[in-house]
Amino acid sequence: MTNLNPTPPASLSPQTNAQNALLRAEQFAEAGDPDAALRLLDPVDPRLLQGVLAGKRLFLMGRSYLELKQPELAIEPLAQAVNLQKSNPNYRIAYGAALHLMGRLAEAEKNYREAIRLAPTAENPPFNLGKVLADQGNIDGAKRAYQLAISRNPRYTMAMVALAEMMIAHAELNAANEWLQKALAIEPKLAQAWNALGKLVERTGKFANAGTHYQKAVDCEASFAEGWYNLGRMKGHEKDLASASDCLSRALNLEPQNEQYRFMRGVFDSTAVSDEAAASDQRVPDSYVKQIFDQYADTFDKNLVEDLAYNTPTLLCDMLMPFITNTTTAVDDPKGPGDHSALDLGCGTGLIGGLIAKECASLVGVDLSPKMLEKAKARGYSSLVVAEIGAFLAQAAPRSYDLVIAADVFVYIGNLASVFIETSRVTKAGGIFAFSVESLNAITLANSDANMPPAQSAGFKLLPSGRFAHKEAYIQELARQSAFEIRATANSVLRTEAGEPIWGTLFVLQRT
């Protein structure tokens, strides 16, 4: 803490006191004490400061609120500062940061671009622009912005890491590795670079090696929450549940509001409830699901189908086709081949939609990830909706569909009772409900490792992968309760993970 007296002498004129307060507030702000800066700035009568000084007061107030993670309070003073001094790039950057944090991405982008113009050699404006473009899904634009930042400062390691992270998310692993090695050559103890290197190795399925890099990240910076989170996940893959829980607790202690960290800690916490009676609302947080799928939308199909041998859409489609091509489906609204009204829950990039679109007069796709839906547009959907599937079903009209599909979606929901009830409500009599689940039965049979969490008698369980598995008996009971008859089931390998098969069960149900 800087040893500064926050109280100016009372014997000076009000205007001089205001100017002194501004000077000392700036010193506190530079010393990393935004609270002290605000204590000095708040009482200052803005009429006592003119021109540049008035703008500086507003800027310091906004910047202090930003450092206190209160962008909603930073917006107004920073907007006024920019209006007073439109040519100040620092004011533009701070205002852009506040807009960015408030989700006003287009406005943030505009201010960052103006800061780039005003400060043609500074590296921070293009770096910040890269971050907002990445959040907008403009991947190529973000890469160019990060490269501009590096060209302005060839030792800008954080820009190198940010560029590498973009490349990792889009499977450009060799190029990403080159940037990370450059960053680490400049700054060997850069936690963010080790963390990104862990992500790169994790994409290849080498979880133990990834864990080594995540460990280096937290060794370099013990307060790096994301590093602890990623290390915890890798400990879970290694079936070291106690260490996983400890790492995730550290991450959550550092960022108590992070839903993703809280959820994953619950996966490995030995005190967490694990059966459906006590955890009736357990589900993967929507924000986590959206983030994951938005991040990997561009490479999703390649990663799953080619790298992980993802086969669920094809398997489910093969089971489903006899029920929708050779017979009429809904008895209260008979349909022939090609006439079905279909709903694809959690459609993703539309892998199954592309297989069944020709059988449908209308095909609605629903997903949390807007970026996944962008990829689905070319696969025959009549409409695509950004929504959580439970919320979408709840507002849908009764008897709207004669075909409802959910391929590899229920792995993110533990208790499926409400989904089944709502699906039954929106499905026409005689209509088809087809879906997949990861098999808790198969896990129970294979669970001979003492370090694995015990297989419960419950109908579903949250696994160390962060996904849910379900028992066949649980699905059978839900089907009975929601007026569905099971017409077909099949056990199959849905995909692989770290070279190991992931077993699942496919179901075709008919509304009675």
Protein backbone atom coordinates (compact mmCIF):
# COMPACT_ATOMS: atom_id res chain seq x y z
CA MET A 1 0.00 0.00 0.00
CA THR A 2 1.38 3.43 -0.91
CA ASN A 3 2.08 5.67 2.11
CA LEU A 4 0.03 8.68 0.99
CA ASN A 5 -2.15 10.99 3.04
CA PRO A 6 -5.60 11.03 1.40
CA THR A 7 -6.63 14.28 3.13
CA PRO A 8 -5.38 17.52 1.46
CA PRO A 9 -4.61 20.59 3.60
CA ALA A 10 -7.72 22.65 4.42
CA SER A 11 -5.93 26.03 4.26
CA LEU A 12 -5.66 26.08 0.47
CA SER A 13 -8.30 27.43 -1.93
CA PRO A 14 -11.10 25.05 -2.96
CA GLN A 15 -9.79 24.93 -6.52
CA THR A 16 -6.24 24.15 -5.36
CA ASN A 17 -7.56 21.50 -2.98
CA ALA A 18 -9.50 19.95 -5.86
CA GLN A 19 -6.38 19.88 -8.03
CA ASN A 20 -4.31 18.41 -5.19
CA ALA A 21 -6.96 15.78 -4.58
CA LEU A 22 -6.87 14.88 -8.25
CA LEU A 23 -3.08 14.57 -8.18
CA ARG A 24 -3.09 12.36 -5.10
CA ALA A 25 -5.96 10.26 -6.46
CA GLU A 26 -3.89 9.62 -9.57
CA GLN A 27 -1.00 8.48 -7.36
CA PHE A 28 -3.29 6.06 -5.50
CA ALA A 29 -4.70 4.76 -8.77
CA GLU A 30 -1.20 4.16 -10.15
CA ALA A 31 -0.26 2.43 -6.89
CA GLY A 32 -3.16 -0.02 -7.28
CA ASP A 33 -5.45 1.40 -4.58
CA PRO A 34 -8.70 2.31 -6.38
CA ASP A 35 -10.68 2.62 -3.13
CA ALA A 36 -8.39 5.37 -1.86
CA ALA A 37 -8.52 7.08 -5.25
CA LEU A 38 -12.32 7.14 -5.15
CA ARG A 39 -12.37 8.48 -1.59
CA LEU A 40 -10.45 11.49 -2.85
CA LEU A 41 -12.37 11.94 -6.11
CA ASP A 42 -15.96 11.56 -4.92
CA PRO A 43 -16.07 14.74 -2.77
CA VAL A 44 -14.44 16.93 -5.42
CA ASP A 45 -16.84 19.51 -6.85
CA PRO A 46 -16.53 18.96 -10.64
CA ARG A 47 -17.14 22.70 -11.20
CA LEU A 48 -13.72 23.39 -9.68
CA LEU A 49 -11.97 21.48 -12.48
CA GLN A 50 -11.97 22.54 -16.10
CA GLY A 51 -10.83 21.06 -19.41
CA VAL A 52 -8.10 18.45 -19.12
CA LEU A 53 -8.40 18.21 -15.34
CA ALA A 54 -12.15 17.60 -15.51
CA GLY A 55 -11.58 14.80 -17.99
CA LYS A 56 -8.83 13.29 -15.85
CA ARG A 57 -11.08 13.18 -12.78
CA LEU A 58 -13.78 11.33 -14.71
CA PHE A 59 -11.23 8.97 -16.24
CA LEU A 60 -9.70 8.13 -12.85
CA MET A 61 -13.12 7.48 -11.37
CA GLY A 62 -14.07 5.17 -14.23
CA ARG A 63 -10.74 3.36 -14.17
CA SER A 64 -11.00 2.85 -10.40
CA TYR A 65 -14.47 1.33 -10.75
CA LEU A 66 -13.13 -0.97 -13.47
CA GLU A 67 -10.36 -2.18 -11.17
CA LEU A 68 -13.02 -2.84 -8.51
CA LYS A 69 -14.93 -4.94 -11.11
CA GLN A 70 -17.86 -2.51 -11.17
CA PRO A 71 -18.19 -1.69 -14.89
CA GLU A 72 -21.77 -0.53 -14.43
CA LEU A 73 -20.43 2.36 -12.31
CA ALA A 74 -17.50 3.01 -14.66
CA ILE A 75 -19.58 3.51 -17.82
CA GLU A 76 -20.94 7.01 -17.18
CA PRO A 77 -17.77 8.79 -15.97
CA LEU A 78 -15.75 7.22 -18.78
CA ALA A 79 -18.33 8.24 -21.38
CA GLN A 80 -18.14 11.82 -20.08
CA ALA A 81 -14.33 11.71 -20.12
CA VAL A 82 -14.34 10.61 -23.76
CA ASN A 83 -16.79 13.39 -24.65
CA LEU A 84 -14.49 15.94 -23.00
CA GLN A 85 -11.34 14.61 -24.69
CA LYS A 86 -12.24 12.64 -27.79
CA SER A 87 -8.61 12.41 -28.90
CA ASN A 88 -7.31 10.68 -25.75
CA PRO A 89 -6.65 7.00 -26.60
CA ASN A 90 -6.39 5.96 -22.93
CA TYR A 91 -9.90 7.22 -22.26
CA ARG A 92 -11.14 5.31 -25.30
CA ILE A 93 -9.48 2.09 -24.12
CA ALA A 94 -10.95 2.34 -20.61
CA TYR A 95 -14.40 3.19 -21.96
CA GLY A 96 -14.15 0.30 -24.40
CA ALA A 97 -13.24 -2.05 -21.53
CA ALA A 98 -16.29 -0.96 -19.53
CA LEU A 99 -18.55 -1.41 -22.57
CA HIS A 100 -17.00 -4.81 -23.22
CA LEU A 101 -17.64 -5.99 -19.67
CA MET A 102 -21.25 -4.79 -19.93
CA GLY A 103 -21.75 -6.84 -23.10
CA ARG A 104 -21.99 -3.84 -25.42
CA LEU A 105 -19.54 -5.38 -27.86
CA ALA A 106 -20.16 -3.28 -30.96
CA GLU A 107 -19.65 -0.04 -29.00
CA ALA A 108 -16.53 -1.45 -27.37
CA GLU A 109 -15.14 -2.39 -30.79
CA LYS A 110 -15.79 1.14 -32.09
CA ASN A 111 -13.84 2.72 -29.21
CA TYR A 112 -10.94 0.26 -29.50
CA ARG A 113 -10.64 0.95 -33.23
CA GLU A 114 -10.60 4.68 -32.57
CA ALA A 115 -7.87 4.17 -29.94
CA ILE A 116 -5.81 2.27 -32.53
CA ARG A 117 -6.14 5.25 -34.87
CA LEU A 118 -5.26 7.75 -32.15
CA ALA A 119 -2.26 5.78 -30.88
CA PRO A 120 -0.66 4.24 -34.01
CA THR A 121 2.26 2.64 -32.14
CA ALA A 122 0.56 1.47 -28.90
CA GLU A 123 0.03 -2.28 -28.45
CA ASN A 124 -2.88 -2.23 -25.98
CA PRO A 125 -5.64 -0.97 -28.32
CA PRO A 126 -5.27 -3.80 -30.87
CA PHE A 127 -4.92 -6.34 -28.04
CA ASN A 128 -8.22 -5.20 -26.52
CA LEU A 129 -9.80 -5.15 -29.96
CA GLY A 130 -8.75 -8.77 -30.41
CA LYS A 131 -10.56 -9.74 -27.22
CA VAL A 132 -13.83 -8.12 -28.22
CA LEU A 133 -13.66 -9.52 -31.76
CA ALA A 134 -13.09 -12.99 -30.31
CA ASP A 135 -16.20 -12.58 -28.16
CA GLN A 136 -18.13 -11.52 -31.25
CA GLY A 137 -17.02 -14.68 -33.05
CA ASN A 138 -14.85 -12.81 -35.55
CA ILE A 139 -11.95 -15.25 -35.34
CA ASP A 140 -9.93 -13.99 -38.30
CA GLY A 141 -10.36 -10.40 -37.16
CA ALA A 142 -9.23 -11.28 -33.63
CA LYS A 143 -6.13 -13.01 -34.97
CA ARG A 144 -5.23 -9.98 -37.07
CA ALA A 145 -5.69 -7.69 -34.06
CA TYR A 146 -3.41 -9.81 -31.87
CA GLN A 147 -0.80 -9.95 -34.63
CA LEU A 148 -0.97 -6.15 -34.93
CA ALA A 149 -0.38 -5.87 -31.18
CA ILE A 150 2.66 -8.14 -31.48
CA SER A 151 3.99 -6.18 -34.45
CA ARG A 152 3.82 -3.04 -32.32
CA ASN A 153 5.55 -4.80 -29.41
CA PRO A 154 7.48 -7.97 -30.40
CA ARG A 155 7.80 -8.90 -26.72
CA TYR A 156 4.06 -8.69 -26.00
CA THR A 157 3.71 -12.17 -24.49
CA MET A 158 0.05 -11.86 -23.47
CA ALA A 159 -0.89 -11.11 -27.08
CA MET A 160 1.09 -14.18 -28.15
CA VAL A 161 -0.85 -16.30 -25.66
CA ALA A 162 -4.19 -14.84 -26.76
CA LEU A 163 -3.34 -15.56 -30.40
CA ALA A 164 -2.30 -19.11 -29.51
CA GLU A 165 -5.56 -19.66 -27.58
CA MET A 166 -7.53 -18.70 -30.69
CA MET A 167 -5.50 -21.14 -32.76
CA ILE A 168 -5.96 -23.95 -30.21
CA ALA A 169 -9.72 -23.49 -30.27
CA HIS A 170 -9.60 -23.87 -34.05
CA ALA A 171 -7.22 -26.85 -34.13
CA GLU A 172 -4.22 -24.91 -35.49
CA LEU A 173 -2.03 -26.67 -32.95
CA ASN A 174 1.38 -26.36 -34.61
CA ALA A 175 1.08 -22.62 -35.13
CA ALA A 176 -0.26 -22.19 -31.59
CA ASN A 177 2.69 -24.10 -30.17
CA GLU A 178 5.13 -21.83 -32.01
CA TRP A 179 3.59 -18.72 -30.45
CA LEU A 180 3.56 -20.25 -26.97
CA GLN A 181 7.20 -21.26 -27.25
CA LYS A 182 8.05 -17.68 -28.27
CA ALA A 183 6.16 -16.32 -25.27
CA LEU A 184 7.87 -18.73 -22.85
CA ALA A 185 11.28 -17.93 -24.30
CA ILE A 186 10.65 -14.30 -23.38
CA GLU A 187 8.84 -14.95 -20.09
CA PRO A 188 9.51 -18.50 -18.79
CA LYS A 189 7.23 -18.10 -15.77
CA LEU A 190 4.20 -16.79 -17.62
CA ALA A 191 1.33 -18.76 -16.09
CA GLN A 192 -1.07 -17.98 -18.94
CA ALA A 193 1.36 -19.46 -21.49
CA TRP A 194 1.74 -22.72 -19.53
CA ASN A 195 -2.03 -22.87 -19.14
CA ALA A 196 -2.52 -22.44 -22.90
CA LEU A 197 0.11 -25.10 -23.56
CA GLY A 198 -1.90 -27.41 -21.32
CA LYS A 199 -5.00 -26.74 -23.41
CA LEU A 200 -3.06 -27.50 -26.56
CA VAL A 201 -1.86 -30.86 -25.24
CA GLU A 202 -5.32 -31.64 -23.83
CA ARG A 203 -6.77 -31.28 -27.32
CA THR A 204 -4.63 -34.29 -28.31
CA GLY A 205 -6.09 -36.40 -25.48
CA LYS A 206 -2.84 -36.54 -23.47
CA PHE A 207 -4.36 -35.60 -20.14
CA ALA A 208 -1.37 -36.48 -17.96
CA ASN A 209 0.95 -34.29 -20.06
CA ALA A 210 -1.63 -31.50 -20.04
CA GLY A 211 -1.76 -31.75 -16.26
CA THR A 212 1.99 -31.20 -16.09
CA HIS A 213 1.62 -27.90 -17.96
CA TYR A 214 -1.31 -26.80 -15.80
CA GLN A 215 0.77 -27.59 -12.72
CA LYS A 216 3.52 -25.30 -14.04
CA ALA A 217 0.92 -22.57 -14.54
CA VAL A 218 -0.13 -22.58 -10.88
CA ASP A 219 3.47 -22.98 -9.74
CA CYS A 220 4.23 -19.75 -11.59
CA GLU A 221 1.15 -17.95 -10.27
CA ALA A 222 -0.62 -19.43 -7.26
CA SER A 223 -3.54 -16.99 -7.66
CA PHE A 224 -4.30 -18.13 -11.23
CA ALA A 225 -7.82 -19.54 -10.88
CA GLU A 226 -8.14 -20.95 -14.40
CA GLY A 227 -4.92 -22.88 -13.94
CA TRP A 228 -6.24 -24.55 -10.78
CA TYR A 229 -9.51 -25.32 -12.56
CA ASN A 230 -7.78 -26.99 -15.48
CA LEU A 231 -5.38 -28.88 -13.22
CA GLY A 232 -8.37 -30.15 -11.24
CA ARG A 233 -10.04 -31.47 -14.37
CA MET A 234 -6.87 -33.34 -15.34
CA LYS A 235 -6.61 -34.84 -11.84
CA GLY A 236 -10.15 -36.06 -12.39
CA HIS A 237 -9.17 -37.73 -15.65
CA GLU A 238 -6.36 -39.44 -13.73
CA LYS A 239 -8.99 -40.60 -11.18
CA ASP A 240 -7.23 -38.70 -8.37
CA LEU A 241 -10.50 -37.38 -7.01
CA ALA A 242 -9.15 -35.89 -3.78
CA SER A 243 -6.58 -33.80 -5.65
CA ALA A 244 -9.20 -32.81 -8.24
CA SER A 245 -11.53 -31.57 -5.52
CA ASP A 246 -8.70 -29.65 -3.82
CA CYS A 247 -7.63 -27.93 -7.06
CA LEU A 248 -11.19 -26.97 -7.93
CA SER A 249 -11.78 -25.64 -4.42
CA ARG A 250 -8.73 -23.40 -4.88
CA ALA A 251 -10.13 -22.13 -8.17
CA LEU A 252 -13.51 -21.41 -6.58
CA ASN A 253 -11.95 -19.65 -3.61
CA LEU A 254 -10.19 -17.33 -6.03
CA GLU A 255 -13.35 -16.73 -8.11
CA PRO A 256 -16.35 -17.46 -5.85
CA GLN A 257 -18.93 -16.35 -8.44
CA ASN A 258 -17.75 -18.70 -11.18
CA GLU A 259 -20.56 -21.17 -11.89
CA GLN A 260 -18.29 -23.37 -13.97
CA TYR A 261 -15.80 -23.82 -11.12
CA ARG A 262 -18.57 -24.49 -8.61
CA PHE A 263 -20.14 -27.11 -10.82
CA MET A 264 -16.91 -28.98 -11.50
CA ARG A 265 -15.93 -28.94 -7.84
CA GLY A 266 -19.23 -30.64 -7.12
CA VAL A 267 -18.27 -33.39 -9.57
CA PHE A 268 -15.26 -34.38 -7.46
CA ASP A 269 -16.33 -33.27 -3.98
CA SER A 270 -16.81 -36.36 -1.82
CA THR A 271 -19.43 -34.48 0.21
CA ALA A 272 -21.52 -33.61 -2.85
CA VAL A 273 -24.83 -35.42 -3.27
CA SER A 274 -24.82 -37.88 -6.12
CA ASP A 275 -28.25 -39.51 -6.41
CA GLU A 276 -31.28 -38.12 -8.13
CA ALA A 277 -33.41 -37.94 -5.01
CA ALA A 278 -31.11 -35.41 -3.36
CA ALA A 279 -29.95 -33.69 -6.54
CA SER A 280 -33.18 -33.27 -8.44
CA ASP A 281 -32.06 -30.10 -10.18
CA GLN A 282 -28.50 -31.18 -11.02
CA ARG A 283 -27.44 -30.13 -14.48
CA VAL A 284 -24.42 -28.68 -16.19
CA PRO A 285 -24.69 -24.85 -16.00
CA ASP A 286 -26.06 -23.34 -19.20
CA SER A 287 -23.30 -20.72 -19.24
CA TYR A 288 -20.66 -23.48 -19.19
CA VAL A 289 -22.31 -25.43 -22.02
CA LYS A 290 -22.68 -22.28 -24.13
CA GLN A 291 -19.06 -21.27 -23.56
CA ILE A 292 -17.70 -24.69 -24.49
CA PHE A 293 -19.71 -25.05 -27.67
CA ASP A 294 -19.27 -21.46 -28.81
CA GLN A 295 -15.52 -21.94 -28.40
CA TYR A 296 -15.34 -25.11 -30.46
CA ALA A 297 -18.07 -24.44 -33.03
CA ASP A 298 -15.66 -23.98 -35.93
CA THR A 299 -13.89 -27.31 -35.36
CA PHE A 300 -16.68 -29.25 -33.64
CA ASP A 301 -17.49 -31.60 -36.52
CA LYS A 302 -13.88 -32.46 -37.22
CA ASN A 303 -12.97 -32.95 -33.57
CA LEU A 304 -15.91 -35.21 -32.80
CA VAL A 305 -16.44 -37.12 -36.01
CA GLU A 306 -12.82 -37.54 -37.11
CA ASP A 307 -10.79 -37.30 -33.91
CA LEU A 308 -13.21 -38.87 -31.39
CA ALA A 309 -15.07 -41.23 -33.76
CA TYR A 310 -18.36 -39.60 -32.77
CA ASN A 311 -21.12 -41.77 -34.18
CA THR A 312 -24.29 -40.93 -32.25
CA PRO A 313 -26.19 -39.06 -35.02
CA THR A 314 -25.65 -41.87 -37.53
CA LEU A 315 -26.55 -44.60 -35.02
CA LEU A 316 -29.66 -42.81 -33.85
CA CYS A 317 -30.75 -42.00 -37.39
CA ASP A 318 -30.36 -45.65 -38.42
CA MET A 319 -32.64 -46.70 -35.53
CA LEU A 320 -35.13 -43.94 -36.21
CA MET A 321 -35.62 -44.29 -39.95
CA PRO A 322 -37.86 -47.39 -39.96
CA PHE A 323 -40.33 -45.53 -37.78
CA ILE A 324 -40.57 -42.43 -39.98
CA THR A 325 -40.10 -43.71 -43.53
CA ASN A 326 -42.12 -46.92 -43.77
CA THR A 327 -45.15 -46.06 -41.64
CA THR A 328 -47.32 -43.12 -40.75
CA THR A 329 -46.23 -41.66 -37.45
CA ALA A 330 -48.69 -39.59 -35.45
CA VAL A 331 -52.08 -41.29 -35.23
CA ASP A 332 -53.92 -38.02 -34.53
CA ASP A 333 -52.22 -36.30 -37.48
CA PRO A 334 -50.93 -39.00 -39.87
CA LYS A 335 -47.79 -38.16 -41.83
CA GLY A 336 -46.16 -39.90 -44.71
CA PRO A 337 -42.44 -39.90 -45.55
CA GLY A 338 -41.15 -36.36 -45.95
CA ASP A 339 -44.06 -34.74 -44.12
CA HIS A 340 -42.93 -34.80 -40.51
CA SER A 341 -42.84 -31.84 -38.15
CA ALA A 342 -39.59 -32.42 -36.26
CA LEU A 343 -37.79 -30.85 -33.30
CA ASP A 344 -34.04 -31.34 -32.78
CA LEU A 345 -33.18 -30.56 -29.15
CA GLY A 346 -29.57 -29.48 -28.63
CA CYS A 347 -29.00 -29.63 -32.37
CA GLY A 348 -25.43 -28.26 -32.29
CA THR A 349 -24.01 -27.96 -35.79
CA GLY A 350 -26.90 -30.00 -37.17
CA LEU A 351 -25.18 -33.35 -37.65
CA ILE A 352 -28.40 -35.32 -37.23
CA GLY A 353 -30.51 -32.64 -38.91
CA GLY A 354 -28.53 -33.12 -42.09
CA LEU A 355 -29.46 -36.82 -42.01
CA ILE A 356 -33.21 -36.45 -41.46
CA ALA A 357 -34.09 -33.11 -43.08
CA LYS A 358 -35.31 -34.80 -46.25
CA GLU A 359 -37.93 -36.66 -44.20
CA CYS A 360 -39.32 -33.47 -42.67
CA ALA A 361 -41.71 -30.81 -43.86
CA SER A 362 -40.44 -28.66 -40.97
CA LEU A 363 -37.36 -29.11 -38.83
CA VAL A 364 -36.73 -26.85 -35.82
CA GLY A 365 -33.30 -26.83 -34.20
CA VAL A 366 -32.74 -25.58 -30.63
CA ASP A 367 -29.36 -24.97 -28.98
CA LEU A 368 -27.73 -22.76 -26.34
CA SER A 369 -24.81 -21.88 -28.61
CA PRO A 370 -25.43 -19.23 -31.31
CA LYS A 371 -22.14 -20.15 -32.96
CA MET A 372 -23.16 -23.80 -33.28
CA LEU A 373 -26.44 -22.72 -34.86
CA GLU A 374 -24.52 -20.68 -37.42
CA LYS A 375 -22.94 -23.94 -38.57
CA ALA A 376 -26.33 -25.69 -38.64
CA LYS A 377 -27.90 -23.24 -41.10
CA ALA A 378 -26.79 -25.21 -44.14
CA ARG A 379 -28.24 -28.53 -42.96
CA GLY A 380 -31.89 -28.24 -43.85
CA TYR A 381 -33.49 -26.65 -40.77
CA SER A 382 -36.60 -24.57 -41.32
CA SER A 383 -35.84 -22.55 -38.17
CA LEU A 384 -33.09 -22.34 -35.55
CA VAL A 385 -33.64 -21.05 -32.01
CA VAL A 386 -31.11 -20.02 -29.37
CA ALA A 387 -32.60 -21.40 -26.14
CA GLU A 388 -32.18 -23.86 -23.29
CA ILE A 389 -34.19 -26.93 -24.27
CA GLY A 390 -36.33 -26.99 -21.10
CA ALA A 391 -37.33 -23.37 -21.55
CA PHE A 392 -38.11 -23.95 -25.23
CA LEU A 393 -40.28 -27.00 -24.49
CA ALA A 394 -42.14 -25.17 -21.72
CA GLN A 395 -43.31 -22.44 -24.11
CA ALA A 396 -44.06 -24.72 -27.09
CA ALA A 397 -47.68 -25.43 -27.98
CA PRO A 398 -49.14 -28.87 -27.13
CA ARG A 399 -48.99 -31.55 -29.83
CA SER A 400 -46.68 -29.48 -32.04
CA TYR A 401 -44.34 -32.23 -33.29
CA ASP A 402 -44.56 -35.79 -34.48
CA LEU A 403 -40.79 -36.29 -34.14
CA VAL A 404 -38.50 -35.08 -31.32
CA ILE A 405 -34.77 -35.90 -31.29
CA ALA A 406 -32.05 -35.33 -28.67
CA ALA A 407 -28.67 -36.72 -29.75
CA ASP A 408 -25.94 -36.53 -27.09
CA VAL A 409 -27.83 -33.81 -25.18
CA PHE A 410 -28.94 -35.51 -21.97
CA VAL A 411 -25.32 -35.90 -20.87
CA TYR A 412 -25.70 -32.30 -19.63
CA ILE A 413 -28.88 -32.91 -17.59
CA GLY A 414 -29.13 -35.23 -14.59
CA ASN A 415 -32.81 -35.37 -13.76
CA LEU A 416 -34.73 -35.80 -17.01
CA ALA A 417 -38.24 -35.96 -15.52
CA SER A 418 -39.36 -32.47 -16.57
CA VAL A 419 -37.82 -32.87 -20.04
CA PHE A 420 -39.79 -36.09 -20.57
CA ILE A 421 -43.03 -34.55 -19.31
CA GLU A 422 -42.70 -31.49 -21.54
CA THR A 423 -41.61 -33.57 -24.54
CA SER A 424 -44.68 -35.76 -24.06
CA ARG A 425 -46.86 -32.64 -23.98
CA VAL A 426 -45.51 -31.25 -27.26
CA THR A 427 -45.46 -34.63 -29.07
CA LYS A 428 -48.51 -35.74 -31.03
CA ALA A 429 -50.14 -39.05 -30.15
CA GLY A 430 -48.20 -41.74 -31.97
CA GLY A 431 -45.24 -39.39 -32.39
CA ILE A 432 -41.63 -40.48 -31.95
CA PHE A 433 -39.09 -39.39 -29.31
CA ALA A 434 -35.54 -40.57 -30.11
CA PHE A 435 -32.45 -39.82 -28.00
CA SER A 436 -29.17 -41.07 -26.58
CA VAL A 437 -27.71 -41.23 -23.07
CA GLU A 438 -24.33 -42.28 -21.74
CA SER A 439 -24.79 -45.65 -20.08
CA LEU A 440 -24.55 -45.80 -16.29
CA ASN A 441 -25.14 -49.56 -16.62
CA ALA A 442 -21.91 -49.93 -18.60
CA ILE A 443 -20.00 -47.78 -16.08
CA THR A 444 -21.33 -49.88 -13.21
CA LEU A 445 -20.09 -53.07 -14.88
CA ALA A 446 -16.68 -51.59 -15.66
CA ASN A 447 -16.21 -49.84 -12.31
CA SER A 448 -13.61 -52.00 -10.62
CA ASP A 449 -11.17 -49.15 -9.87
CA ALA A 450 -11.23 -48.25 -6.20
CA ASN A 451 -10.35 -44.65 -7.03
CA MET A 452 -13.47 -44.19 -9.14
CA PRO A 453 -16.59 -42.73 -7.49
CA PRO A 454 -18.89 -45.58 -6.48
CA ALA A 455 -21.66 -46.46 -8.91
CA GLN A 456 -24.89 -45.48 -7.16
CA SER A 457 -28.20 -47.26 -7.27
CA ALA A 458 -29.54 -43.94 -8.53
CA GLY A 459 -30.88 -43.55 -12.03
CA PHE A 460 -28.26 -41.03 -13.05
CA LYS A 461 -24.82 -39.94 -11.93
CA LEU A 462 -22.47 -37.03 -12.55
CA LEU A 463 -19.17 -38.41 -13.85
CA PRO A 464 -15.60 -37.06 -13.52
CA SER A 465 -15.91 -35.95 -17.16
CA GLY A 466 -18.52 -33.41 -16.03
CA ARG A 467 -21.24 -35.29 -17.94
CA PHE A 468 -24.18 -37.33 -16.68
CA ALA A 469 -24.77 -41.02 -17.31
CA HIS A 470 -28.20 -42.64 -16.93
CA LYS A 471 -29.46 -46.14 -16.20
CA GLU A 472 -31.81 -47.91 -18.59
CA ALA A 473 -34.27 -48.63 -15.78
CA TYR A 474 -34.45 -44.91 -15.00
CA ILE A 475 -35.28 -44.10 -18.64
CA GLN A 476 -37.85 -46.91 -18.73
CA GLU A 477 -39.62 -45.49 -15.67
CA LEU A 478 -39.61 -41.95 -17.08
CA ALA A 479 -41.07 -43.26 -20.33
CA ARG A 480 -43.88 -45.00 -18.46
CA GLN A 481 -44.65 -41.90 -16.36
CA SER A 482 -44.79 -39.59 -19.38
CA ALA A 483 -46.94 -41.78 -21.65
CA PHE A 484 -44.19 -43.08 -23.95
CA GLU A 485 -43.78 -46.67 -25.07
CA ILE A 486 -40.24 -47.91 -25.74
CA ARG A 487 -40.11 -49.17 -29.31
CA ALA A 488 -36.37 -49.81 -29.71
CA THR A 489 -33.13 -49.66 -27.71
CA ALA A 490 -29.48 -50.33 -28.56
CA ASN A 491 -26.21 -50.21 -26.64
CA SER A 492 -23.28 -48.86 -28.60
CA VAL A 493 -20.00 -46.97 -28.42
CA LEU A 494 -21.00 -43.34 -28.96
CA ARG A 495 -17.45 -41.95 -29.28
CA THR A 496 -14.01 -42.24 -27.71
CA GLU A 497 -12.26 -40.20 -25.04
CA ALA A 498 -8.49 -40.44 -24.51
CA GLY A 499 -8.63 -43.58 -26.64
CA GLU A 500 -11.27 -45.25 -24.45
CA PRO A 501 -14.77 -46.13 -25.68
CA ILE A 502 -17.73 -44.21 -24.25
CA TRP A 503 -20.71 -46.53 -24.09
CA GLY A 504 -24.24 -45.27 -24.45
CA THR A 505 -27.82 -46.39 -24.95
CA LEU A 506 -30.03 -45.24 -27.82
CA PHE A 507 -33.80 -45.14 -27.41
CA VAL A 508 -36.75 -44.77 -29.75
CA LEU A 509 -39.99 -44.05 -27.86
CA GLN A 510 -43.53 -43.60 -29.17
CA ARG A 511 -46.19 -41.38 -27.62
CA THR A 512 -49.16 -43.53 -26.60
